Amino acid sequence: MGFSDMGSAAFRRRRRPAYARVFAATRATGRSSRTRLADLLIAATAAAHGLDLYTRNPADLVGLDHILTVVRV
């Protein structure tokens, strides 16, 4: 299943621009986006809906603090 196959069309329209921002921010930190696909999709979903992202490993989301709030649990 690819990114374009996930969820409703309205949901995807909100998530795509958020994914682009998250992807670009990850690459700007010099980190690979390949091994972080699931993390980036989750972060993009949270960002698209204005939600905080709760995680046990905030190091996976370094560089996204200007896009969404990452909360360590």
C-alpha atoms as a PDB file:
ATOM      1  CA  MET A   1       0.000   0.000   0.000  1.00  0.00           C
ATOM      2  CA  GLY A   2       1.443   3.355  -0.989  1.00  0.00           C
ATOM      3  CA  PHE A   3       0.939   6.780   0.540  1.00  0.00           C
ATOM      4  CA  SER A   4      -1.727   7.682  -2.032  1.00  0.00           C
ATOM      5  CA  ASP A   5      -3.804   4.616  -1.092  1.00  0.00           C
ATOM      6  CA  MET A   6      -4.198   5.489   2.578  1.00  0.00           C
ATOM      7  CA  GLY A   7      -7.454   6.902   3.919  1.00  0.00           C
ATOM      8  CA  SER A   8     -10.144   9.058   2.398  1.00  0.00           C
ATOM      9  CA  ALA A   9      -9.471  11.633  -0.304  1.00  0.00           C
ATOM     10  CA  ALA A  10     -10.185  14.553   2.067  1.00  0.00           C
ATOM     11  CA  PHE A  11      -7.832  13.111   4.655  1.00  0.00           C
ATOM     12  CA  ARG A  12      -5.080  12.605   2.074  1.00  0.00           C
ATOM     13  CA  ARG A  13      -5.434  16.183   0.810  1.00  0.00           C
ATOM     14  CA  ARG A  14      -4.606  17.483   4.289  1.00  0.00           C
ATOM     15  CA  ARG A  15      -1.853  14.979   4.948  1.00  0.00           C
ATOM     16  CA  ARG A  16       0.127  15.374   1.709  1.00  0.00           C
ATOM     17  CA  PRO A  17       1.289  18.973   2.293  1.00  0.00           C
ATOM     18  CA  ALA A  18       2.063  18.093   5.919  1.00  0.00           C
ATOM     19  CA  TYR A  19       4.121  15.102   4.772  1.00  0.00           C
ATOM     20  CA  ALA A  20       6.071  17.352   2.385  1.00  0.00           C
ATOM     21  CA  ARG A  21       6.904  19.729   5.267  1.00  0.00           C
ATOM     22  CA  VAL A  22       7.884  16.869   7.572  1.00  0.00           C
ATOM     23  CA  PHE A  23       9.977  15.199   4.849  1.00  0.00           C
ATOM     24  CA  ALA A  24      11.799  18.447   3.998  1.00  0.00           C
ATOM     25  CA  ALA A  25      12.480  19.223   7.660  1.00  0.00           C
ATOM     26  CA  THR A  26      13.895  15.735   8.208  1.00  0.00           C
ATOM     27  CA  ARG A  27      16.174  16.022   5.184  1.00  0.00           C
ATOM     28  CA  ALA A  28      17.281  19.513   6.284  1.00  0.00           C
ATOM     29  CA  THR A  29      18.681  17.968   9.482  1.00  0.00           C
ATOM     30  CA  GLY A  30      20.771  15.608   7.346  1.00  0.00           C
ATOM     31  CA  ARG A  31      18.772  12.575   8.383  1.00  0.00           C
ATOM     32  CA  SER A  32      17.550   9.890   6.023  1.00  0.00           C
ATOM     33  CA  SER A  33      13.827   9.752   5.436  1.00  0.00           C
ATOM     34  CA  ARG A  34      13.951   6.193   4.067  1.00  0.00           C
ATOM     35  CA  THR A  35      14.209   4.434   7.401  1.00  0.00           C
ATOM     36  CA  ARG A  36      11.683   6.765   9.004  1.00  0.00           C
ATOM     37  CA  LEU A  37       8.695   6.403   6.686  1.00  0.00           C
ATOM     38  CA  ALA A  38       6.278   5.274   9.410  1.00  0.00           C
ATOM     39  CA  ASP A  39       7.477   7.985  11.804  1.00  0.00           C
ATOM     40  CA  LEU A  40       7.109  10.651   9.124  1.00  0.00           C
ATOM     41  CA  LEU A  41       3.605   9.503   8.166  1.00  0.00           C
ATOM     42  CA  ILE A  42       2.530   9.599  11.810  1.00  0.00           C
ATOM     43  CA  ALA A  43       4.095  13.048  12.263  1.00  0.00           C
ATOM     44  CA  ALA A  44       2.433  14.320   9.084  1.00  0.00           C
ATOM     45  CA  THR A  45      -0.950  13.056  10.244  1.00  0.00           C
ATOM     46  CA  ALA A  46      -0.554  14.799  13.606  1.00  0.00           C
ATOM     47  CA  ALA A  47       0.629  18.023  11.938  1.00  0.00           C
ATOM     48  CA  ALA A  48      -2.213  17.986   9.395  1.00  0.00           C
ATOM     49  CA  HIS A  49      -4.754  17.864  12.209  1.00  0.00           C
ATOM     50  CA  GLY A  50      -3.001  20.211  14.630  1.00  0.00           C
ATOM     51  CA  LEU A  51      -2.365  17.440  17.149  1.00  0.00           C
ATOM     52  CA  ASP A  52       0.565  16.939  19.492  1.00  0.00           C
ATOM     53  CA  LEU A  53       2.602  13.800  18.863  1.00  0.00           C
ATOM     54  CA  TYR A  54       3.270  11.674  21.947  1.00  0.00           C
ATOM     55  CA  THR A  55       6.233   9.327  21.635  1.00  0.00           C
ATOM     56  CA  ARG A  56       8.650   7.294  23.686  1.00  0.00           C
ATOM     57  CA  ASN A  57      11.474   8.262  21.332  1.00  0.00           C
ATOM     58  CA  PRO A  58      11.467  11.963  20.453  1.00  0.00           C
ATOM     59  CA  ALA A  59      14.935  11.564  18.919  1.00  0.00           C
ATOM     60  CA  ASP A  60      13.177  10.037  15.890  1.00  0.00           C
ATOM     61  CA  LEU A  61      11.476  13.386  15.280  1.00  0.00           C
ATOM     62  CA  VAL A  62      14.384  15.811  15.639  1.00  0.00           C
ATOM     63  CA  GLY A  63      13.947  18.915  13.514  1.00  0.00           C
ATOM     64  CA  LEU A  64      10.154  18.877  13.440  1.00  0.00           C
ATOM     65  CA  ASP A  65       9.588  21.199  16.396  1.00  0.00           C
ATOM     66  CA  HIS A  66       8.568  24.076  14.094  1.00  0.00           C
ATOM     67  CA  ILE A  67       5.909  21.863  12.490  1.00  0.00           C
ATOM     68  CA  LEU A  68       4.351  20.084  15.465  1.00  0.00           C
ATOM     69  CA  THR A  69       4.734  19.605  19.210  1.00  0.00           C
ATOM     70  CA  VAL A  70       6.536  16.400  20.141  1.00  0.00           C
ATOM     71  CA  VAL A  71       5.862  15.203  23.690  1.00  0.00           C
ATOM     72  CA  ARG A  72       8.011  12.566  25.354  1.00  0.00           C
ATOM     73  CA  VAL A  73       6.080   9.975  27.372  1.00  0.00           C
END
